[in-house]
Amino acid sequence: MANSKLRVTLTGSHIGCTDKQRGTLRALGLRRRGKAREHEPTAVVLGMIDKVKHLVQIEETE
């Protein structure tokens, strides 16, 4: 997992989410459903993904 990245895709809608969850999605760079961003698997990013895991799909890439 040294050079791997996480591809995070927004699969759910932010409608009905709390303001904190919306802020987390924005911090991850996810603004529209179906859009994806790649992130390094740091502790901060993994914590943010855990807070919105019901709205995102995670894939490991190289």
N, C-alpha and C. Protein backbone atom coordinates (compact mmCIF):
# COMPACT_ATOMS: atom_id res chain seq x y z
N MET A 1 0.83 -1.19 0.00
CA MET A 1 0.00 0.00 0.00
C MET A 1 0.87 1.26 0.00
N ALA A 2 2.15 1.09 -0.32
CA ALA A 2 3.07 2.21 -0.28
C ALA A 2 2.76 3.23 -1.37
N ASN A 3 2.54 2.77 -2.60
CA ASN A 3 2.26 3.69 -3.70
C ASN A 3 0.80 3.69 -4.10
N SER A 4 -0.04 3.04 -3.34
CA SER A 4 -1.44 2.95 -3.73
C SER A 4 -2.19 4.22 -3.33
N LYS A 5 -3.29 4.42 -4.02
CA LYS A 5 -4.17 5.55 -3.72
C LYS A 5 -5.58 5.00 -3.60
N LEU A 6 -6.45 5.81 -3.05
CA LEU A 6 -7.85 5.45 -2.92
C LEU A 6 -8.66 6.30 -3.88
N ARG A 7 -9.48 5.65 -4.70
CA ARG A 7 -10.41 6.37 -5.57
C ARG A 7 -11.74 6.40 -4.84
N VAL A 8 -12.20 7.60 -4.51
CA VAL A 8 -13.43 7.79 -3.77
C VAL A 8 -14.47 8.36 -4.74
N THR A 9 -15.59 7.66 -4.89
CA THR A 9 -16.66 8.07 -5.81
C THR A 9 -17.91 8.37 -5.01
N LEU A 10 -18.53 9.49 -5.27
CA LEU A 10 -19.78 9.85 -4.60
C LEU A 10 -20.92 9.08 -5.26
N THR A 11 -21.60 8.23 -4.49
CA THR A 11 -22.68 7.41 -5.02
C THR A 11 -24.04 7.85 -4.49
N GLY A 12 -24.06 8.49 -3.33
CA GLY A 12 -25.31 8.95 -2.75
C GLY A 12 -25.47 10.44 -2.89
N SER A 13 -26.62 10.93 -2.51
CA SER A 13 -26.90 12.35 -2.60
C SER A 13 -26.60 13.03 -1.27
N HIS A 14 -26.15 14.27 -1.34
CA HIS A 14 -25.87 15.03 -0.12
C HIS A 14 -27.13 15.66 0.44
N ILE A 15 -28.25 15.55 -0.29
CA ILE A 15 -29.52 16.08 0.21
C ILE A 15 -29.93 15.29 1.44
N GLY A 16 -30.25 15.97 2.49
CA GLY A 16 -30.64 15.32 3.74
C GLY A 16 -29.48 15.03 4.67
N CYS A 17 -28.26 15.31 4.24
CA CYS A 17 -27.09 15.10 5.10
C CYS A 17 -26.93 16.27 6.05
N THR A 18 -26.17 16.05 7.08
CA THR A 18 -25.88 17.12 8.01
C THR A 18 -24.86 18.07 7.37
N ASP A 19 -24.72 19.24 7.95
CA ASP A 19 -23.75 20.21 7.43
C ASP A 19 -22.33 19.68 7.55
N LYS A 20 -22.04 18.93 8.61
CA LYS A 20 -20.70 18.36 8.77
C LYS A 20 -20.40 17.36 7.67
N GLN A 21 -21.38 16.53 7.31
CA GLN A 21 -21.16 15.56 6.24
C GLN A 21 -20.98 16.26 4.90
N ARG A 22 -21.74 17.31 4.65
CA ARG A 22 -21.56 18.08 3.42
C ARG A 22 -20.17 18.70 3.36
N GLY A 23 -19.70 19.21 4.49
CA GLY A 23 -18.36 19.78 4.54
C GLY A 23 -17.30 18.73 4.30
N THR A 24 -17.52 17.54 4.81
CA THR A 24 -16.57 16.45 4.59
C THR A 24 -16.52 16.05 3.12
N LEU A 25 -17.68 15.97 2.48
CA LEU A 25 -17.71 15.65 1.06
C LEU A 25 -17.01 16.72 0.24
N ARG A 26 -17.22 17.97 0.59
CA ARG A 26 -16.57 19.07 -0.12
C ARG A 26 -15.05 19.02 0.09
N ALA A 27 -14.63 18.69 1.31
CA ALA A 27 -13.20 18.59 1.60
C ALA A 27 -12.55 17.44 0.83
N LEU A 28 -13.32 16.40 0.56
CA LEU A 28 -12.82 15.29 -0.25
C LEU A 28 -12.84 15.62 -1.73
N GLY A 29 -13.46 16.73 -2.10
CA GLY A 29 -13.51 17.15 -3.49
C GLY A 29 -14.68 16.54 -4.26
N LEU A 30 -15.68 16.04 -3.53
CA LEU A 30 -16.83 15.40 -4.16
C LEU A 30 -18.01 16.35 -4.13
N ARG A 31 -18.42 16.82 -5.30
CA ARG A 31 -19.49 17.80 -5.37
C ARG A 31 -20.72 17.27 -6.08
N ARG A 32 -20.56 16.33 -6.99
CA ARG A 32 -21.70 15.79 -7.74
C ARG A 32 -21.66 14.26 -7.69
N ARG A 33 -22.84 13.65 -7.77
CA ARG A 33 -22.91 12.20 -7.79
C ARG A 33 -22.19 11.66 -9.01
N GLY A 34 -21.48 10.58 -8.82
CA GLY A 34 -20.76 9.96 -9.92
C GLY A 34 -19.36 10.46 -10.10
N LYS A 35 -19.00 11.56 -9.48
CA LYS A 35 -17.65 12.11 -9.61
C LYS A 35 -16.71 11.40 -8.65
N ALA A 36 -15.46 11.28 -9.05
CA ALA A 36 -14.47 10.56 -8.25
C ALA A 36 -13.22 11.40 -8.08
N ARG A 37 -12.53 11.17 -7.00
CA ARG A 37 -11.25 11.82 -6.71
C ARG A 37 -10.32 10.76 -6.13
N GLU A 38 -9.03 10.95 -6.36
CA GLU A 38 -8.02 10.05 -5.79
C GLU A 38 -7.32 10.75 -4.64
N HIS A 39 -7.11 10.00 -3.56
CA HIS A 39 -6.47 10.53 -2.37
C HIS A 39 -5.45 9.53 -1.84
N GLU A 40 -4.44 10.04 -1.18
CA GLU A 40 -3.50 9.20 -0.46
C GLU A 40 -4.21 8.64 0.77
N PRO A 41 -3.96 7.39 1.13
CA PRO A 41 -4.65 6.80 2.29
C PRO A 41 -4.03 7.22 3.63
N THR A 42 -4.13 8.49 3.96
CA THR A 42 -3.63 8.98 5.24
C THR A 42 -4.70 8.82 6.31
N ALA A 43 -4.32 8.99 7.54
CA ALA A 43 -5.26 8.85 8.65
C ALA A 43 -6.40 9.87 8.55
N VAL A 44 -6.08 11.07 8.12
CA VAL A 44 -7.10 12.13 8.00
C VAL A 44 -8.12 11.76 6.93
N VAL A 45 -7.64 11.34 5.78
CA VAL A 45 -8.54 10.99 4.67
C VAL A 45 -9.38 9.77 5.04
N LEU A 46 -8.78 8.78 5.66
CA LEU A 46 -9.53 7.58 6.07
C LEU A 46 -10.61 7.92 7.09
N GLY A 47 -10.33 8.86 7.98
CA GLY A 47 -11.33 9.31 8.94
C GLY A 47 -12.48 10.03 8.27
N MET A 48 -12.17 10.86 7.27
CA MET A 48 -13.23 11.57 6.55
C MET A 48 -14.09 10.59 5.76
N ILE A 49 -13.46 9.61 5.14
CA ILE A 49 -14.22 8.60 4.39
C ILE A 49 -15.13 7.82 5.33
N ASP A 50 -14.65 7.52 6.52
CA ASP A 50 -15.45 6.77 7.49
C ASP A 50 -16.71 7.53 7.88
N LYS A 51 -16.66 8.84 7.92
CA LYS A 51 -17.82 9.65 8.31
C LYS A 51 -18.90 9.69 7.23
N VAL A 52 -18.51 9.47 5.99
CA VAL A 52 -19.49 9.50 4.89
C VAL A 52 -19.49 8.19 4.11
N LYS A 53 -19.16 7.09 4.75
CA LYS A 53 -19.03 5.81 4.06
C LYS A 53 -20.34 5.33 3.44
N HIS A 54 -21.47 5.82 3.93
CA HIS A 54 -22.75 5.44 3.36
C HIS A 54 -23.06 6.19 2.06
N LEU A 55 -22.23 7.17 1.70
CA LEU A 55 -22.45 7.97 0.50
C LEU A 55 -21.39 7.76 -0.58
N VAL A 56 -20.33 7.03 -0.26
CA VAL A 56 -19.22 6.90 -1.19
C VAL A 56 -18.88 5.44 -1.45
N GLN A 57 -18.17 5.24 -2.56
CA GLN A 57 -17.62 3.93 -2.92
C GLN A 57 -16.11 4.10 -2.97
N ILE A 58 -15.38 3.16 -2.38
CA ILE A 58 -13.93 3.27 -2.31
C ILE A 58 -13.30 2.14 -3.10
N GLU A 59 -12.32 2.47 -3.94
CA GLU A 59 -11.55 1.50 -4.68
C GLU A 59 -10.07 1.79 -4.45
N GLU A 60 -9.27 0.75 -4.37
CA GLU A 60 -7.83 0.93 -4.23
C GLU A 60 -7.19 0.90 -5.61
N THR A 61 -6.40 1.91 -5.94
CA THR A 61 -5.72 1.98 -7.23
C THR A 61 -4.22 2.02 -7.00
N GLU A 62 -3.47 1.89 -8.07
CA GLU A 62 -2.02 1.92 -7.94
C GLU A 62 -1.43 3.11 -8.63
